[in-house]
Amino acid sequence: LIRAVTGQATMPVLKHYKGVCQIFADASCDVA
């Protein structure tokens, strides 16, 4: 839906395509 609206809109679009969020656990992280 968001990509379709973005492709058709003639005015600016404030968009949020998706929330693909990552966590990176570094070597020094507190495991617990």
ModelCIF file with pLDDT and N, C-alpha, C, O atoms, coordinates in Angstrom:
data_MODEL
#
_entry.id   MODEL 
#
_entity.id                         1 
_entity.type                       polymer 
_entity.pdbx_number_of_molecules   1 
#
_entity_poly.entity_id                      1 
_entity_poly.type                           'polypeptide(L)' 
_entity_poly.nstd_linkage                   no 
_entity_poly.nstd_monomer                   no 
_entity_poly.pdbx_seq_one_letter_code       LIRAVTGQATMPVLKHYKGVCQIFADASCDVA 
_entity_poly.pdbx_seq_one_letter_code_can   LIRAVTGQATMPVLKHYKGVCQIFADASCDVA 
_entity_poly.pdbx_strand_id                 A 
#
loop_
_entity_poly_seq.entity_id 
_entity_poly_seq.num 
_entity_poly_seq.mon_id 
_entity_poly_seq.hetero 
1 1  LEU n 
1 2  ILE n 
1 3  ARG n 
1 4  ALA n 
1 5  VAL n 
1 6  THR n 
1 7  GLY n 
1 8  GLN n 
1 9  ALA n 
1 10 THR n 
1 11 MET n 
1 12 PRO n 
1 13 VAL n 
1 14 LEU n 
1 15 LYS n 
1 16 HIS n 
1 17 TYR n 
1 18 LYS n 
1 19 GLY n 
1 20 VAL n 
1 21 CYS n 
1 22 GLN n 
1 23 ILE n 
1 24 PHE n 
1 25 ALA n 
1 26 ASP n 
1 27 ALA n 
1 28 SER n 
1 29 CYS n 
1 30 ASP n 
1 31 VAL n 
1 32 ALA n 
#
_struct_asym.id          A 
_struct_asym.entity_id   1 
#
loop_
_ma_qa_metric.id 
_ma_qa_metric.mode 
_ma_qa_metric.name 
_ma_qa_metric.software_group_id 
_ma_qa_metric.type 
1 global pLDDT . pLDDT 
2 local  pLDDT . pLDDT 
#
_ma_qa_metric_global.metric_id      1 
_ma_qa_metric_global.metric_value   92.53 
_ma_qa_metric_global.model_id       1 
_ma_qa_metric_global.ordinal_id     1 
#
loop_
_ma_qa_metric_local.label_asym_id 
_ma_qa_metric_local.label_comp_id 
_ma_qa_metric_local.label_seq_id 
_ma_qa_metric_local.metric_id 
_ma_qa_metric_local.metric_value 
_ma_qa_metric_local.model_id 
_ma_qa_metric_local.ordinal_id 
A LEU 1  2 83.00 1 1  
A ILE 2  2 86.00 1 2  
A ARG 3  2 87.00 1 3  
A ALA 4  2 90.00 1 4  
A VAL 5  2 93.00 1 5  
A THR 6  2 91.00 1 6  
A GLY 7  2 92.00 1 7  
A GLN 8  2 94.00 1 8  
A ALA 9  2 96.00 1 9  
A THR 10 2 96.00 1 10 
A MET 11 2 96.00 1 11 
A PRO 12 2 93.00 1 12 
A VAL 13 2 92.00 1 13 
A LEU 14 2 89.00 1 14 
A LYS 15 2 81.00 1 15 
A HIS 16 2 78.00 1 16 
A TYR 17 2 75.00 1 17 
A LYS 18 2 85.00 1 18 
A GLY 19 2 92.00 1 19 
A VAL 20 2 96.00 1 20 
A CYS 21 2 98.00 1 21 
A GLN 22 2 98.00 1 22 
A ILE 23 2 98.00 1 23 
A PHE 24 2 98.00 1 24 
A ALA 25 2 98.00 1 25 
A ASP 26 2 98.00 1 26 
A ALA 27 2 98.00 1 27 
A SER 28 2 98.00 1 28 
A CYS 29 2 98.00 1 29 
A ASP 30 2 98.00 1 30 
A VAL 31 2 98.00 1 31 
A ALA 32 2 98.00 1 32 
#
loop_
_atom_site.group_PDB 
_atom_site.id 
_atom_site.type_symbol 
_atom_site.label_atom_id 
_atom_site.label_alt_id 
_atom_site.label_comp_id 
_atom_site.label_asym_id 
_atom_site.label_entity_id 
_atom_site.label_seq_id 
_atom_site.pdbx_PDB_ins_code 
_atom_site.Cartn_x 
_atom_site.Cartn_y 
_atom_site.Cartn_z 
_atom_site.occupancy 
_atom_site.B_iso_or_equiv 
_atom_site.pdbx_formal_charge 
_atom_site.auth_seq_id 
_atom_site.auth_comp_id 
_atom_site.auth_asym_id 
_atom_site.auth_atom_id 
_atom_site.pdbx_PDB_model_num 
ATOM 1   N N  . LEU A 1 1  ? 0.833  -1.203  0.000  1.00 83.00 ? 1  LEU A N  1 
ATOM 2   C CA . LEU A 1 1  ? 0.000  0.000   0.000  1.00 83.00 ? 1  LEU A CA 1 
ATOM 3   C C  . LEU A 1 1  ? 0.865  1.249   0.000  1.00 83.00 ? 1  LEU A C  1 
ATOM 4   O O  . LEU A 1 1  ? 0.618  2.182   -0.764 1.00 83.00 ? 1  LEU A O  1 
ATOM 5   N N  . ILE A 1 2  ? 1.876  1.266   0.854  1.00 86.00 ? 2  ILE A N  1 
ATOM 6   C CA . ILE A 1 2  ? 2.698  2.471   0.992  1.00 86.00 ? 2  ILE A CA 1 
ATOM 7   C C  . ILE A 1 2  ? 3.471  2.742   -0.291 1.00 86.00 ? 2  ILE A C  1 
ATOM 8   O O  . ILE A 1 2  ? 3.575  3.891   -0.720 1.00 86.00 ? 2  ILE A O  1 
ATOM 9   N N  . ARG A 1 3  ? 4.009  1.704   -0.903 1.00 87.00 ? 3  ARG A N  1 
ATOM 10  C CA . ARG A 1 3  ? 4.739  1.916   -2.162 1.00 87.00 ? 3  ARG A CA 1 
ATOM 11  C C  . ARG A 1 3  ? 3.793  2.381   -3.271 1.00 87.00 ? 3  ARG A C  1 
ATOM 12  O O  . ARG A 1 3  ? 4.165  3.209   -4.103 1.00 87.00 ? 3  ARG A O  1 
ATOM 13  N N  . ALA A 1 4  ? 2.584  1.852   -3.279 1.00 90.00 ? 4  ALA A N  1 
ATOM 14  C CA . ALA A 1 4  ? 1.625  2.271   -4.300 1.00 90.00 ? 4  ALA A CA 1 
ATOM 15  C C  . ALA A 1 4  ? 1.249  3.733   -4.122 1.00 90.00 ? 4  ALA A C  1 
ATOM 16  O O  . ALA A 1 4  ? 1.209  4.487   -5.095 1.00 90.00 ? 4  ALA A O  1 
ATOM 17  N N  . VAL A 1 5  ? 0.973  4.138   -2.891 1.00 93.00 ? 5  VAL A N  1 
ATOM 18  C CA . VAL A 1 5  ? 0.633  5.537   -2.625 1.00 93.00 ? 5  VAL A CA 1 
ATOM 19  C C  . VAL A 1 5  ? 1.798  6.441   -3.000 1.00 93.00 ? 5  VAL A C  1 
ATOM 20  O O  . VAL A 1 5  ? 1.599  7.487   -3.618 1.00 93.00 ? 5  VAL A O  1 
ATOM 21  N N  . THR A 1 6  ? 3.002  6.047   -2.633 1.00 91.00 ? 6  THR A N  1 
ATOM 22  C CA . THR A 1 6  ? 4.186  6.846   -2.937 1.00 91.00 ? 6  THR A CA 1 
ATOM 23  C C  . THR A 1 6  ? 4.355  7.009   -4.445 1.00 91.00 ? 6  THR A C  1 
ATOM 24  O O  . THR A 1 6  ? 4.736  8.077   -4.923 1.00 91.00 ? 6  THR A O  1 
ATOM 25  N N  . GLY A 1 7  ? 4.069  5.943   -5.189 1.00 92.00 ? 7  GLY A N  1 
ATOM 26  C CA . GLY A 1 7  ? 4.209  6.003   -6.639 1.00 92.00 ? 7  GLY A CA 1 
ATOM 27  C C  . GLY A 1 7  ? 3.165  6.863   -7.321 1.00 92.00 ? 7  GLY A C  1 
ATOM 28  O O  . GLY A 1 7  ? 3.408  7.379   -8.413 1.00 92.00 ? 7  GLY A O  1 
ATOM 29  N N  . GLN A 1 8  ? 1.999  7.030   -6.695 1.00 94.00 ? 8  GLN A N  1 
ATOM 30  C CA . GLN A 1 8  ? 0.899  7.751   -7.339 1.00 94.00 ? 8  GLN A CA 1 
ATOM 31  C C  . GLN A 1 8  ? 0.719  9.177   -6.830 1.00 94.00 ? 8  GLN A C  1 
ATOM 32  O O  . GLN A 1 8  ? 0.132  10.003  -7.529 1.00 94.00 ? 8  GLN A O  1 
ATOM 33  N N  . ALA A 1 9  ? 1.205  9.484   -5.642 1.00 96.00 ? 9  ALA A N  1 
ATOM 34  C CA . ALA A 1 9  ? 0.922  10.786  -5.031 1.00 96.00 ? 9  ALA A CA 1 
ATOM 35  C C  . ALA A 1 9  ? 1.612  11.923  -5.773 1.00 96.00 ? 9  ALA A C  1 
ATOM 36  O O  . ALA A 1 9  ? 2.761  11.794  -6.197 1.00 96.00 ? 9  ALA A O  1 
ATOM 37  N N  . THR A 1 10 ? 0.911  13.020  -5.924 1.00 96.00 ? 10 THR A N  1 
ATOM 38  C CA . THR A 1 10 ? 1.464  14.217  -6.545 1.00 96.00 ? 10 THR A CA 1 
ATOM 39  C C  . THR A 1 10 ? 1.918  15.229  -5.498 1.00 96.00 ? 10 THR A C  1 
ATOM 40  O O  . THR A 1 10 ? 2.411  16.304  -5.841 1.00 96.00 ? 10 THR A O  1 
ATOM 41  N N  . MET A 1 11 ? 1.752  14.883  -4.221 1.00 96.00 ? 11 MET A N  1 
ATOM 42  C CA . MET A 1 11 ? 2.211  15.735  -3.123 1.00 96.00 ? 11 MET A CA 1 
ATOM 43  C C  . MET A 1 11 ? 3.259  14.967  -2.317 1.00 96.00 ? 11 MET A C  1 
ATOM 44  O O  . MET A 1 11 ? 3.390  13.755  -2.494 1.00 96.00 ? 11 MET A O  1 
ATOM 45  N N  . PRO A 1 12 ? 4.007  15.635  -1.440 1.00 93.00 ? 12 PRO A N  1 
ATOM 46  C CA . PRO A 1 12 ? 5.009  14.927  -0.636 1.00 93.00 ? 12 PRO A CA 1 
ATOM 47  C C  . PRO A 1 12 ? 4.378  13.816  0.206  1.00 93.00 ? 12 PRO A C  1 
ATOM 48  O O  . PRO A 1 12 ? 3.226  13.923  0.627  1.00 93.00 ? 12 PRO A O  1 
ATOM 49  N N  . VAL A 1 13 ? 5.145  12.749  0.444  1.00 92.00 ? 13 VAL A N  1 
ATOM 50  C CA . VAL A 1 13 ? 4.683  11.597  1.216  1.00 92.00 ? 13 VAL A CA 1 
ATOM 51  C C  . VAL A 1 13 ? 5.621  11.392  2.401  1.00 92.00 ? 13 VAL A C  1 
ATOM 52  O O  . VAL A 1 13 ? 6.836  11.289  2.234  1.00 92.00 ? 13 VAL A O  1 
ATOM 53  N N  . LEU A 1 14 ? 5.043  11.333  3.597  1.00 89.00 ? 14 LEU A N  1 
ATOM 54  C CA . LEU A 1 14 ? 5.795  10.906  4.778  1.00 89.00 ? 14 LEU A CA 1 
ATOM 55  C C  . LEU A 1 14 ? 5.543  9.418   4.924  1.00 89.00 ? 14 LEU A C  1 
ATOM 56  O O  . LEU A 1 14 ? 4.420  9.005   5.211  1.00 89.00 ? 14 LEU A O  1 
ATOM 57  N N  . LYS A 1 15 ? 6.573  8.610   4.731  1.00 81.00 ? 15 LYS A N  1 
ATOM 58  C CA . LYS A 1 15 ? 6.334  7.182   4.600  1.00 81.00 ? 15 LYS A CA 1 
ATOM 59  C C  . LYS A 1 15 ? 7.087  6.357   5.634  1.00 81.00 ? 15 LYS A C  1 
ATOM 60  O O  . LYS A 1 15 ? 8.111  6.771   6.176  1.00 81.00 ? 15 LYS A O  1 
ATOM 61  N N  . HIS A 1 16 ? 6.552  5.207   5.878  1.00 78.00 ? 16 HIS A N  1 
ATOM 62  C CA . HIS A 1 16 ? 7.150  4.201   6.753  1.00 78.00 ? 16 HIS A CA 1 
ATOM 63  C C  . HIS A 1 16 ? 6.902  2.872   6.049  1.00 78.00 ? 16 HIS A C  1 
ATOM 64  O O  . HIS A 1 16 ? 5.853  2.250   6.217  1.00 78.00 ? 16 HIS A O  1 
ATOM 65  N N  . TYR A 1 17 ? 7.884  2.450   5.260  1.00 75.00 ? 17 TYR A N  1 
ATOM 66  C CA . TYR A 1 17 ? 7.672  1.233   4.476  1.00 75.00 ? 17 TYR A CA 1 
ATOM 67  C C  . TYR A 1 17 ? 7.500  0.016   5.374  1.00 75.00 ? 17 TYR A C  1 
ATOM 68  O O  . TYR A 1 17 ? 6.549  -0.750  5.215  1.00 75.00 ? 17 TYR A O  1 
ATOM 69  N N  . LYS A 1 18 ? 8.413  -0.159  6.312  1.00 85.00 ? 18 LYS A N  1 
ATOM 70  C CA . LYS A 1 18 ? 8.333  -1.321  7.193  1.00 85.00 ? 18 LYS A CA 1 
ATOM 71  C C  . LYS A 1 18 ? 9.315  -1.127  8.338  1.00 85.00 ? 18 LYS A C  1 
ATOM 72  O O  . LYS A 1 18 ? 10.179 -0.251  8.297  1.00 85.00 ? 18 LYS A O  1 
ATOM 73  N N  . GLY A 1 19 ? 9.163  -1.966  9.366  1.00 92.00 ? 19 GLY A N  1 
ATOM 74  C CA . GLY A 1 19 ? 10.048 -1.898  10.515 1.00 92.00 ? 19 GLY A CA 1 
ATOM 75  C C  . GLY A 1 19 ? 10.892 -3.152  10.607 1.00 92.00 ? 19 GLY A C  1 
ATOM 76  O O  . GLY A 1 19 ? 10.550 -4.076  11.345 1.00 92.00 ? 19 GLY A O  1 
ATOM 77  N N  . VAL A 1 20 ? 11.988 -3.200  9.869  1.00 96.00 ? 20 VAL A N  1 
ATOM 78  C CA . VAL A 1 20 ? 12.917 -4.321  9.971  1.00 96.00 ? 20 VAL A CA 1 
ATOM 79  C C  . VAL A 1 20 ? 14.042 -3.872  10.906 1.00 96.00 ? 20 VAL A C  1 
ATOM 80  O O  . VAL A 1 20 ? 14.997 -3.221  10.484 1.00 96.00 ? 20 VAL A O  1 
ATOM 81  N N  . CYS A 1 21 ? 13.910 -4.232  12.175 1.00 98.00 ? 21 CYS A N  1 
ATOM 82  C CA . CYS A 1 21 ? 14.807 -3.736  13.218 1.00 98.00 ? 21 CYS A CA 1 
ATOM 83  C C  . CYS A 1 21 ? 15.771 -4.838  13.646 1.00 98.00 ? 21 CYS A C  1 
ATOM 84  O O  . CYS A 1 21 ? 15.374 -5.993  13.800 1.00 98.00 ? 21 CYS A O  1 
ATOM 85  N N  . GLN A 1 22 ? 17.034 -4.478  13.837 1.00 98.00 ? 22 GLN A N  1 
ATOM 86  C CA . GLN A 1 22 ? 18.068 -5.426  14.252 1.00 98.00 ? 22 GLN A CA 1 
ATOM 87  C C  . GLN A 1 22 ? 18.630 -5.057  15.628 1.00 98.00 ? 22 GLN A C  1 
ATOM 88  O O  . GLN A 1 22 ? 18.633 -3.889  16.017 1.00 98.00 ? 22 GLN A O  1 
ATOM 89  N N  . ILE A 1 23 ? 19.100 -6.057  16.345 1.00 98.00 ? 23 ILE A N  1 
ATOM 90  C CA . ILE A 1 23 ? 19.939 -5.861  17.521 1.00 98.00 ? 23 ILE A CA 1 
ATOM 91  C C  . ILE A 1 23 ? 21.268 -6.550  17.246 1.00 98.00 ? 23 ILE A C  1 
ATOM 92  O O  . ILE A 1 23 ? 21.305 -7.706  16.826 1.00 98.00 ? 23 ILE A O  1 
ATOM 93  N N  . PHE A 1 24 ? 22.363 -5.823  17.487 1.00 98.00 ? 24 PHE A N  1 
ATOM 94  C CA . PHE A 1 24 ? 23.691 -6.408  17.345 1.00 98.00 ? 24 PHE A CA 1 
ATOM 95  C C  . PHE A 1 24 ? 24.282 -6.616  18.729 1.00 98.00 ? 24 PHE A C  1 
ATOM 96  O O  . PHE A 1 24 ? 24.511 -5.652  19.459 1.00 98.00 ? 24 PHE A O  1 
ATOM 97  N N  . ALA A 1 25 ? 24.532 -7.874  19.096 1.00 98.00 ? 25 ALA A N  1 
ATOM 98  C CA . ALA A 1 25 ? 25.176 -8.205  20.358 1.00 98.00 ? 25 ALA A CA 1 
ATOM 99  C C  . ALA A 1 25 ? 26.681 -8.261  20.121 1.00 98.00 ? 25 ALA A C  1 
ATOM 100 O O  . ALA A 1 25 ? 27.190 -9.197  19.504 1.00 98.00 ? 25 ALA A O  1 
ATOM 101 N N  . ASP A 1 26 ? 27.386 -7.244  20.619 1.00 98.00 ? 26 ASP A N  1 
ATOM 102 C CA . ASP A 1 26 ? 28.825 -7.128  20.422 1.00 98.00 ? 26 ASP A CA 1 
ATOM 103 C C  . ASP A 1 26 ? 29.559 -8.138  21.320 1.00 98.00 ? 26 ASP A C  1 
ATOM 104 O O  . ASP A 1 26 ? 28.964 -8.731  22.220 1.00 98.00 ? 26 ASP A O  1 
ATOM 105 N N  . ALA A 1 27 ? 30.842 -8.320  21.061 1.00 98.00 ? 27 ALA A N  1 
ATOM 106 C CA . ALA A 1 27 ? 31.633 -9.299  21.813 1.00 98.00 ? 27 ALA A CA 1 
ATOM 107 C C  . ALA A 1 27 ? 31.653 -8.991  23.306 1.00 98.00 ? 27 ALA A C  1 
ATOM 108 O O  . ALA A 1 27 ? 31.746 -9.904  24.126 1.00 98.00 ? 27 ALA A O  1 
ATOM 109 N N  . SER A 1 28 ? 31.564 -7.709  23.663 1.00 98.00 ? 28 SER A N  1 
ATOM 110 C CA . SER A 1 28 ? 31.678 -7.320  25.072 1.00 98.00 ? 28 SER A CA 1 
ATOM 111 C C  . SER A 1 28 ? 30.328 -7.187  25.769 1.00 98.00 ? 28 SER A C  1 
ATOM 112 O O  . SER A 1 28 ? 30.267 -6.684  26.890 1.00 98.00 ? 28 SER A O  1 
ATOM 113 N N  . CYS A 1 29 ? 29.257 -7.624  25.136 1.00 98.00 ? 29 CYS A N  1 
ATOM 114 C CA . CYS A 1 29 ? 27.931 -7.413  25.743 1.00 98.00 ? 29 CYS A CA 1 
ATOM 115 C C  . CYS A 1 29 ? 27.797 -8.173  27.058 1.00 98.00 ? 29 CYS A C  1 
ATOM 116 O O  . CYS A 1 29 ? 28.414 -9.219  27.259 1.00 98.00 ? 29 CYS A O  1 
ATOM 117 N N  . ASP A 1 30 ? 26.978 -7.623  27.942 1.00 98.00 ? 30 ASP A N  1 
ATOM 118 C CA . ASP A 1 30 ? 26.618 -8.300  29.193 1.00 98.00 ? 30 ASP A CA 1 
ATOM 119 C C  . ASP A 1 30 ? 25.568 -9.352  28.832 1.00 98.00 ? 30 ASP A C  1 
ATOM 120 O O  . ASP A 1 30 ? 24.441 -9.001  28.485 1.00 98.00 ? 30 ASP A O  1 
ATOM 121 N N  . VAL A 1 31 ? 25.920 -10.628 28.909 1.00 98.00 ? 31 VAL A N  1 
ATOM 122 C CA . VAL A 1 31 ? 25.058 -11.692 28.396 1.00 98.00 ? 31 VAL A CA 1 
ATOM 123 C C  . VAL A 1 31 ? 23.708 -11.726 29.113 1.00 98.00 ? 31 VAL A C  1 
ATOM 124 O O  . VAL A 1 31 ? 22.669 -11.824 28.460 1.00 98.00 ? 31 VAL A O  1 
ATOM 125 N N  . ALA A 1 32 ? 23.708 -11.649 30.425 1.00 98.00 ? 32 ALA A N  1 
ATOM 126 C CA . ALA A 1 32 ? 22.442 -11.721 31.169 1.00 98.00 ? 32 ALA A CA 1 
ATOM 127 C C  . ALA A 1 32 ? 21.531 -10.553 30.792 1.00 98.00 ? 32 ALA A C  1 
ATOM 128 O O  . ALA A 1 32 ? 20.421 -10.443 31.314 1.00 98.00 ? 32 ALA A O  1 
#
